[in-house]
Amino acid sequence: MTGPRTTGCRLRGLAEVLGGAIHRSSRLVNLEQGDDGVLATIDHEGEAEQVAAEWVVGCDGVRS
């Protein structure tokens, strides 16, 4: 059986290989859908960042 830390590391590595990213300690502030995808505004430790993507996956974690 694989533990959660190992699973998380493997999933992060796979996401990066596929061109994705995993943002921890972040909060989705706004999400706008357009014809070509979405524009997400993310608050990461007080810094706002806009990310354009074809799709977004929300994984709230165990404390949601």
C-alpha atoms as a PDB file:
ATOM      1  CA  MET A   1       0.000   0.000   0.000  1.00  0.00           C
ATOM      2  CA  THR A   2       1.241   3.496  -0.840  1.00  0.00           C
ATOM      3  CA  GLY A   3       1.019   6.280   1.733  1.00  0.00           C
ATOM      4  CA  PRO A   4      -0.458   9.749   1.109  1.00  0.00           C
ATOM      5  CA  ARG A   5       2.937  11.479   0.955  1.00  0.00           C
ATOM      6  CA  THR A   6       4.188   9.125  -1.765  1.00  0.00           C
ATOM      7  CA  THR A   7       0.922   9.427  -3.679  1.00  0.00           C
ATOM      8  CA  GLY A   8       1.089  13.231  -3.503  1.00  0.00           C
ATOM      9  CA  CYS A   9       4.669  13.299  -4.786  1.00  0.00           C
ATOM     10  CA  ARG A  10       3.797  11.007  -7.676  1.00  0.00           C
ATOM     11  CA  LEU A  11       0.724  13.024  -8.621  1.00  0.00           C
ATOM     12  CA  ARG A  12       2.686  16.301  -8.496  1.00  0.00           C
ATOM     13  CA  GLY A  13       5.381  14.828 -10.738  1.00  0.00           C
ATOM     14  CA  LEU A  14       2.801  13.546 -13.220  1.00  0.00           C
ATOM     15  CA  ALA A  15       1.005  16.892 -13.290  1.00  0.00           C
ATOM     16  CA  GLU A  16       4.277  18.683 -14.052  1.00  0.00           C
ATOM     17  CA  VAL A  17       5.196  16.219 -16.820  1.00  0.00           C
ATOM     18  CA  LEU A  18       1.787  16.846 -18.395  1.00  0.00           C
ATOM     19  CA  GLY A  19       2.231  20.639 -18.161  1.00  0.00           C
ATOM     20  CA  GLY A  20       0.048  21.163 -15.090  1.00  0.00           C
ATOM     21  CA  ALA A  21       0.682  22.602 -11.668  1.00  0.00           C
ATOM     22  CA  ILE A  22      -0.521  21.946  -8.141  1.00  0.00           C
ATOM     23  CA  HIS A  23      -0.991  25.030  -5.951  1.00  0.00           C
ATOM     24  CA  ARG A  24      -1.119  24.415  -2.197  1.00  0.00           C
ATOM     25  CA  SER A  25      -2.140  26.960   0.449  1.00  0.00           C
ATOM     26  CA  SER A  26      -4.088  28.788  -2.238  1.00  0.00           C
ATOM     27  CA  ARG A  27      -7.622  30.078  -2.564  1.00  0.00           C
ATOM     28  CA  LEU A  28      -9.642  30.508  -5.732  1.00  0.00           C
ATOM     29  CA  VAL A  29     -10.881  34.108  -5.719  1.00  0.00           C
ATOM     30  CA  ASN A  30     -12.551  34.289  -9.131  1.00  0.00           C
ATOM     31  CA  LEU A  31     -13.199  32.022 -12.098  1.00  0.00           C
ATOM     32  CA  GLU A  32     -14.267  33.291 -15.516  1.00  0.00           C
ATOM     33  CA  GLN A  33     -15.223  30.979 -18.358  1.00  0.00           C
ATOM     34  CA  GLY A  34     -14.499  32.028 -21.931  1.00  0.00           C
ATOM     35  CA  ASP A  35     -14.651  30.435 -25.354  1.00  0.00           C
ATOM     36  CA  ASP A  36     -11.078  29.109 -25.109  1.00  0.00           C
ATOM     37  CA  GLY A  37     -11.024  28.015 -21.453  1.00  0.00           C
ATOM     38  CA  VAL A  38     -11.013  29.660 -18.053  1.00  0.00           C
ATOM     39  CA  LEU A  39      -9.217  32.507 -16.308  1.00  0.00           C
ATOM     40  CA  ALA A  40      -8.711  31.780 -12.618  1.00  0.00           C
ATOM     41  CA  THR A  41      -7.647  34.356 -10.056  1.00  0.00           C
ATOM     42  CA  ILE A  42      -5.805  32.628  -7.217  1.00  0.00           C
ATOM     43  CA  ASP A  43      -4.762  34.108  -3.874  1.00  0.00           C
ATOM     44  CA  HIS A  44      -1.561  32.440  -2.713  1.00  0.00           C
ATOM     45  CA  GLU A  45      -0.399  33.744   0.659  1.00  0.00           C
ATOM     46  CA  GLY A  46      -1.641  37.283  -0.068  1.00  0.00           C
ATOM     47  CA  GLU A  47      -0.403  37.443  -3.664  1.00  0.00           C
ATOM     48  CA  ALA A  48      -3.041  37.441  -6.419  1.00  0.00           C
ATOM     49  CA  GLU A  49      -2.180  35.550  -9.596  1.00  0.00           C
ATOM     50  CA  GLN A  50      -4.201  35.028 -12.761  1.00  0.00           C
ATOM     51  CA  VAL A  51      -3.922  31.685 -14.517  1.00  0.00           C
ATOM     52  CA  ALA A  52      -5.347  30.882 -17.947  1.00  0.00           C
ATOM     53  CA  ALA A  53      -6.202  27.218 -18.489  1.00  0.00           C
ATOM     54  CA  GLU A  54      -8.360  24.918 -20.554  1.00  0.00           C
ATOM     55  CA  TRP A  55      -9.864  23.490 -17.355  1.00  0.00           C
ATOM     56  CA  VAL A  56      -9.554  23.666 -13.567  1.00  0.00           C
ATOM     57  CA  VAL A  57      -9.704  20.928 -10.937  1.00  0.00           C
ATOM     58  CA  GLY A  58     -10.581  21.845  -7.360  1.00  0.00           C
ATOM     59  CA  CYS A  59      -9.241  19.584  -4.615  1.00  0.00           C
ATOM     60  CA  ASP A  60     -10.223  21.025  -1.271  1.00  0.00           C
ATOM     61  CA  GLY A  61      -8.466  18.522   0.929  1.00  0.00           C
ATOM     62  CA  VAL A  62      -9.484  16.887   4.165  1.00  0.00           C
ATOM     63  CA  ARG A  63     -10.384  20.127   5.983  1.00  0.00           C
ATOM     64  CA  SER A  64     -13.000  21.354   3.514  1.00  0.00           C
END
